Amino acid sequence: ADLQNHATDALPLVVQAISQLTALVQG
């Protein structure tokens, strides 16, 4: 349960990082 909580907290950061990487690749 604790690990799941951390994963849920990190999810928005992962999505943001992927969005930034996609923007860089498309640049």
N, C-alpha and C. Protein backbone atom coordinates (compact mmCIF):
# COMPACT_ATOMS: atom_id res chain seq x y z
N ALA A 1 0.85 -1.20 0.00
CA ALA A 1 0.00 0.00 0.00
C ALA A 1 0.88 1.24 0.00
N ASP A 2 1.97 1.20 0.76
CA ASP A 2 2.86 2.36 0.83
C ASP A 2 3.49 2.63 -0.53
N LEU A 3 3.93 1.55 -1.18
CA LEU A 3 4.56 1.70 -2.50
C LEU A 3 3.54 2.26 -3.50
N GLN A 4 2.30 1.79 -3.38
CA GLN A 4 1.25 2.26 -4.29
C GLN A 4 1.02 3.76 -4.09
N ASN A 5 1.07 4.22 -2.84
CA ASN A 5 0.89 5.64 -2.57
C ASN A 5 1.99 6.45 -3.23
N HIS A 6 3.23 5.99 -3.11
CA HIS A 6 4.35 6.70 -3.72
C HIS A 6 4.20 6.74 -5.24
N ALA A 7 3.75 5.65 -5.81
CA ALA A 7 3.57 5.58 -7.26
C ALA A 7 2.51 6.58 -7.70
N THR A 8 1.43 6.68 -6.92
CA THR A 8 0.36 7.62 -7.25
C THR A 8 0.86 9.05 -7.16
N ASP A 9 1.71 9.34 -6.17
CA ASP A 9 2.25 10.70 -6.02
C ASP A 9 3.19 11.03 -7.16
N ALA A 10 3.91 10.05 -7.66
CA ALA A 10 4.93 10.29 -8.69
C ALA A 10 4.30 10.33 -10.08
N LEU A 11 3.12 9.77 -10.24
CA LEU A 11 2.51 9.67 -11.57
C LEU A 11 2.44 11.01 -12.30
N PRO A 12 1.93 12.08 -11.67
CA PRO A 12 1.88 13.38 -12.37
C PRO A 12 3.26 13.85 -12.82
N LEU A 13 4.28 13.57 -12.01
CA LEU A 13 5.64 13.98 -12.38
C LEU A 13 6.10 13.20 -13.60
N VAL A 14 5.77 11.92 -13.65
CA VAL A 14 6.15 11.09 -14.80
C VAL A 14 5.46 11.59 -16.06
N VAL A 15 4.17 11.89 -15.94
CA VAL A 15 3.42 12.39 -17.10
C VAL A 15 4.02 13.70 -17.58
N GLN A 16 4.38 14.58 -16.64
CA GLN A 16 4.96 15.87 -17.01
C GLN A 16 6.29 15.67 -17.71
N ALA A 17 7.10 14.76 -17.20
CA ALA A 17 8.42 14.50 -17.80
C ALA A 17 8.25 13.95 -19.21
N ILE A 18 7.31 13.04 -19.41
CA ILE A 18 7.07 12.48 -20.74
C ILE A 18 6.61 13.57 -21.70
N SER A 19 5.75 14.46 -21.21
CA SER A 19 5.26 15.55 -22.06
C SER A 19 6.41 16.45 -22.49
N GLN A 20 7.32 16.75 -21.55
CA GLN A 20 8.46 17.60 -21.88
C GLN A 20 9.38 16.90 -22.87
N LEU A 21 9.61 15.60 -22.69
CA LEU A 21 10.46 14.85 -23.62
C LEU A 21 9.84 14.82 -25.01
N THR A 22 8.52 14.61 -25.05
CA THR A 22 7.83 14.59 -26.35
C THR A 22 7.97 15.94 -27.04
N ALA A 23 7.85 17.03 -26.28
CA ALA A 23 7.98 18.37 -26.86
C ALA A 23 9.39 18.56 -27.40
N LEU A 24 10.39 18.05 -26.68
CA LEU A 24 11.77 18.19 -27.14
C LEU A 24 11.99 17.41 -28.43
N VAL A 25 11.47 16.19 -28.49
CA VAL A 25 11.66 15.35 -29.68
C VAL A 25 10.97 15.98 -30.88
N GLN A 26 9.78 16.52 -30.66
CA GLN A 26 9.03 17.13 -31.76
C GLN A 26 9.65 18.47 -32.17
N GLY A 27 10.30 19.14 -31.21
CA GLY A 27 10.92 20.45 -31.36
C GLY A 27 11.13 20.82 -32.80
